[in-house]
Protein backbone atom coordinates (compact mmCIF):
# COMPACT_ATOMS: atom_id res chain seq x y z
CA MET A 1 205.83 9.80 221.65
CA LYS A 2 202.44 10.96 223.02
CA ARG A 3 201.22 12.15 219.59
CA ILE A 4 202.23 8.88 217.91
CA PHE A 5 200.44 6.93 220.66
CA ASP A 6 197.32 9.10 220.21
CA LEU A 7 197.31 8.60 216.42
CA LEU A 8 197.82 4.83 216.54
CA LEU A 9 195.23 4.29 219.28
CA GLY A 10 192.82 6.77 217.68
CA VAL A 11 192.88 5.07 214.28
CA ALA A 12 192.49 1.61 215.88
CA ILE A 13 189.52 2.72 218.00
CA LEU A 14 187.89 4.57 215.12
CA VAL A 15 188.09 1.45 212.93
CA LEU A 16 186.47 -0.60 215.72
CA LEU A 17 183.80 1.95 216.56
CA VAL A 18 182.84 3.45 213.21
CA ALA A 19 179.72 1.24 212.91
CA PRO A 20 178.52 1.84 216.50
CA MET A 21 179.14 5.57 216.06
CA LEU A 22 177.00 5.58 212.91
CA LEU A 23 174.22 3.78 214.80
CA ILE A 24 174.43 6.30 217.65
CA SER A 25 174.26 9.14 215.13
CA ILE A 26 171.10 7.68 213.64
CA ALA A 27 169.57 7.10 217.10
CA VAL A 28 170.28 10.70 218.13
CA ARG A 29 168.70 12.05 214.94
CA LEU A 30 165.63 9.80 215.27
CA SER A 31 165.10 10.48 218.98
CA SER A 32 164.87 14.26 218.75
CA LYS A 33 164.97 17.16 216.32
CA GLY A 34 168.43 18.43 215.43
CA PRO A 35 171.89 17.29 214.36
CA ALA A 36 173.64 14.19 215.70
CA LEU A 37 176.67 16.15 216.85
CA TYR A 38 176.94 19.07 219.23
CA TRP A 39 179.97 21.32 218.77
CA SER A 40 181.33 23.30 221.71
CA ASP A 41 184.09 25.91 221.87
CA ARG A 42 186.82 24.70 224.23
CA VAL A 43 190.15 26.04 225.42
CA GLY A 44 193.06 23.97 224.14
CA LYS A 45 196.83 23.97 224.23
CA ASN A 46 198.38 27.43 224.40
CA ASN A 47 194.96 28.93 225.16
CA LYS A 48 193.81 28.22 221.58
CA ILE A 49 190.05 27.84 221.13
CA PHE A 50 188.93 24.77 219.18
CA ARG A 51 185.57 23.18 218.39
CA MET A 52 185.00 19.88 220.23
CA PRO A 53 182.29 17.44 219.03
CA LYS A 54 180.05 15.27 221.16
CA PHE A 55 176.96 13.29 220.34
CA ARG A 56 174.07 15.61 221.15
CA SER A 57 172.44 14.55 224.42
CA MET A 58 170.34 17.67 225.01
CA LEU A 59 167.32 19.01 223.14
CA THR A 60 168.10 21.71 220.58
CA ASP A 61 166.20 24.41 222.53
CA THR A 62 168.40 23.99 225.63
CA PRO A 63 169.86 27.29 226.85
CA ALA A 64 173.54 27.63 225.95
CA VAL A 65 174.95 27.35 229.48
CA ALA A 66 176.82 24.66 231.40
CA THR A 67 174.52 21.83 232.44
CA HIS A 68 175.02 22.50 236.16
CA LEU A 69 173.66 26.03 235.68
CA LEU A 70 170.28 24.81 234.40
CA ASP A 71 167.42 24.77 236.90
CA ASN A 72 166.30 21.29 235.85
CA PRO A 73 168.96 19.73 233.57
CA GLY A 74 167.03 16.47 233.17
CA ALA A 75 164.18 18.32 231.48
CA TYR A 76 166.51 19.23 228.62
CA LEU A 77 167.85 15.73 227.93
CA SER A 78 166.84 14.13 224.64
CA PRO A 79 165.07 10.75 224.89
CA ILE A 80 168.44 8.93 224.67
CA GLY A 81 170.55 11.74 226.14
CA GLY A 82 170.62 10.36 229.67
CA PHE A 83 171.84 7.00 228.42
CA LEU A 84 174.51 8.62 226.24
CA ARG A 85 175.81 10.65 229.19
CA ARG A 86 175.71 7.83 231.76
CA SER A 87 177.55 5.51 229.38
CA SER A 88 179.90 8.30 228.18
CA LEU A 89 179.04 7.36 224.59
CA ASP A 90 178.40 11.05 223.94
CA GLU A 91 182.19 11.51 224.20
CA LEU A 92 183.09 9.19 221.29
CA PRO A 93 183.24 11.93 218.60
CA GLN A 94 186.16 13.44 220.51
CA LEU A 95 188.23 10.78 218.73
CA LEU A 96 188.05 13.18 215.78
CA SER A 97 189.64 15.92 217.90
CA VAL A 98 192.41 13.51 218.92
CA LEU A 99 193.10 12.54 215.31
CA LYS A 100 193.04 16.20 214.24
CA GLY A 101 195.56 17.07 216.95
CA ASP A 102 193.41 19.38 219.08
CA MET A 103 193.21 16.81 221.89
CA SER A 104 195.03 13.83 223.36
CA PHE A 105 193.53 10.71 224.90
CA VAL A 106 194.84 11.71 228.32
CA GLY A 107 195.23 15.21 229.74
CA PRO A 108 193.29 17.94 231.49
CA ARG A 109 189.70 18.10 230.20
CA PRO A 110 189.16 20.95 227.75
CA ASP A 111 187.12 23.60 229.49
CA VAL A 112 184.74 26.16 228.10
CA PRO A 113 186.10 29.71 227.85
CA GLY A 114 185.94 31.39 231.24
CA TYR A 115 187.95 28.91 233.29
CA ALA A 116 191.15 27.49 231.76
CA ASP A 117 191.81 30.66 229.78
CA LYS A 118 191.78 32.61 233.06
CA LEU A 119 194.54 30.52 234.69
CA GLU A 120 197.39 32.55 236.18
CA GLY A 121 200.96 31.99 237.35
CA LYS A 122 202.09 28.38 237.76
CA ASP A 123 198.56 27.15 237.03
CA ARG A 124 199.07 28.10 233.37
CA ILE A 125 201.15 24.94 232.96
CA ILE A 126 197.79 23.28 232.24
CA LEU A 127 197.64 25.22 228.98
CA SER A 128 201.05 23.86 227.89
CA VAL A 129 199.58 20.46 226.96
CA LYS A 130 196.75 19.24 224.77
CA PRO A 131 193.53 18.64 226.65
CA GLY A 132 192.41 15.04 226.99
CA ILE A 133 189.34 12.85 226.78
CA THR A 134 190.25 11.42 230.18
CA GLY A 135 192.80 11.95 232.91
CA PRO A 136 193.24 11.82 236.67
CA ALA A 137 190.98 14.82 237.35
CA THR A 138 188.31 13.43 235.04
CA LEU A 139 188.39 10.13 236.91
CA LYS A 140 188.23 11.79 240.34
CA TYR A 141 185.28 14.00 239.35
CA LYS A 142 183.52 11.52 237.03
CA ASN A 143 180.26 12.17 238.92
CA GLU A 144 180.64 15.97 238.81
CA GLU A 145 177.11 16.62 237.55
CA GLU A 146 175.68 14.54 240.40
CA ILE A 147 177.85 16.35 242.97
CA LEU A 148 176.76 19.76 241.67
CA ALA A 149 173.11 18.72 241.59
CA ASN A 150 173.28 18.02 245.35
CA VAL A 151 174.73 21.32 246.57
CA ASN A 152 172.88 24.56 247.29
CA ASP A 153 175.06 26.76 245.07
CA PRO A 154 176.57 24.69 242.24
CA VAL A 155 178.45 27.62 240.67
CA LYS A 156 180.09 28.55 243.98
CA TYR A 157 180.92 24.92 244.78
CA ASN A 158 182.41 24.44 241.32
CA ASN A 159 184.47 27.62 241.59
CA GLU A 160 185.68 27.02 245.16
CA VAL A 161 186.04 23.22 245.36
CA ILE A 162 185.91 21.31 242.08
CA TRP A 163 187.80 23.71 239.80
CA PRO A 164 190.74 24.24 242.25
CA GLY A 165 190.83 20.46 242.81
CA LYS A 166 191.06 19.81 239.08
CA VAL A 167 193.79 22.42 238.67
CA LYS A 168 195.90 20.79 241.41
CA ILE A 169 195.44 17.28 239.99
CA ASN A 170 196.18 18.41 236.42
CA LYS A 171 199.36 20.23 237.45
CA GLU A 172 200.60 17.04 239.13
CA TYR A 173 199.70 15.01 236.05
CA ILE A 174 201.74 17.30 233.79
CA LYS A 175 204.75 17.40 236.13
CA ASN A 176 204.81 13.59 236.46
CA TRP A 177 203.68 12.56 232.96
CA SER A 178 204.57 9.14 231.59
CA LEU A 179 203.14 7.01 228.80
CA LYS A 180 202.69 4.17 231.30
CA LYS A 181 200.48 6.39 233.49
CA ASP A 182 198.49 7.51 230.43
CA ILE A 183 197.77 3.86 229.60
CA GLU A 184 196.71 3.27 233.22
CA TYR A 185 194.29 6.24 233.08
CA ILE A 186 192.80 4.92 229.83
CA LEU A 187 192.31 1.46 231.36
CA LYS A 188 190.72 2.95 234.51
CA THR A 189 188.37 4.98 232.30
CA ILE A 190 187.33 1.88 230.34
CA LYS A 191 186.71 -0.08 233.57
CA GLY A 192 184.41 2.72 234.74
């Protein structure tokens, strides 16, 4: 049921957004040197690594680390990168991952290797589902970069507060999954 929903919604959205996505691709290419898409290794269902696309919001010479680990993340944004991130338009290419079957519209966010792949015990239930573009943890921590920018030790805060919070929320989501709730999460994401 979830896969059929993802495919039908994914095709419908792609048809509606193909022209805007082409325009964004052109804007990214014209605003800074480099490709329109940025591909990142992410941990998916059953601990399988897959390549997730986003519109590139950072300059091509940005160090390959999580944004919250950069000393001055804003200095690495492309001329339209801030807008793409604030509007979440950088996430649109993930529709391709949904259509391919690596992701779902709703589920735990796919993390970079080093977090989700290290889950143990009952927390590994998170790896039993496809990661999502949005979900309850994504909505709760939608301003994660801002939170981390305002703490003394972002890595420690992420490891001790945000990551455990996401794990707890994602476990509850999986245990209580319903298509109705998925639709509600999608609508909440659209509303902002």
